Amino acid sequence: MEAILKILIVSLFSYLLGSFPTAVIISKRFFGFDIREKGSGNMGSTNAFRVLGWKWGLTVQIIDILKGVLAVVLIAPVIANGISFPNTTGFENITIVKIIAGISAILGHVFSVFVGFKGGKGINTAAGMMVAILPVDVSIALGIFILAVIFSGYVSLGSIAAAFTLPSSLIVRYNLFHVNIPNYEILVYFSFLITLLVIYTHRSNIKRLLRGQENRFKNLHLIRIFGKADK
């Protein structure tokens, strides 16, 4: 019973941390408007870069990433240190609690209680969580994200590509390069879950990409293979 209570407290605190509406607070406090009324209407870092400029966009991104990191490396260990419960996964108990904390933070960002349960896409908070759990694979996914953005100019496409890269990296490293990854099977399923969440939160972006109507960051579109440069 004590373990269940601790997990619930970890989940609640992580959710509230993830729910912190960084871009909304910054836009209202320093610019006098709600960022959800500008640009794409999203409160994530991509819209913050577009509407508030790169300095504030970067600030939003860093804070949103930290939400995922802090849920895993601070909230879970502090509240659930020494937790004990029936566990047949092969993970240490605290690792399972960290995963729960990270997912709770992501859900908080996507469905923020502070802004009517409508939040951002969750990619930054998910990245922060995964950095604390799968640093190698997140680094590879980050590289794919950067390449996708500089070749296309679409941040949404980069985010989706990075999400697919996460489980793919695990599969390739384990099966082709025979890297020892403890609890490989569970991590693959878990990373696929994160990928599905990213696809769900980017469903409107995917529709716009297919229609050719997605907003492009021309300044980030550094490499153009086909066609002329954007005007």
Foldseek 3Di string as FASTA:
>chain_A
DLLVVLLVVLLVVLLQLLLPLLQQVCCCVPPNDGLLVDDPSASALVSCCVPVNDVSSVVRLVSNLVSLQCSQPPSLCVSQPPPDDDDDLQDDPSNVSSLSSLVSSLQSQCQPPVPNGHHHLSLSSNLSNCCVPPVVQSVVLVVQLLVVCQQFQANLVSSLSSLVSNLVVLCCCCPVVVDDDRSSVVSSVSSVVVSVSSCVSCVVVVVCVVVVNHDGRLVSNNDYDDDDRDD
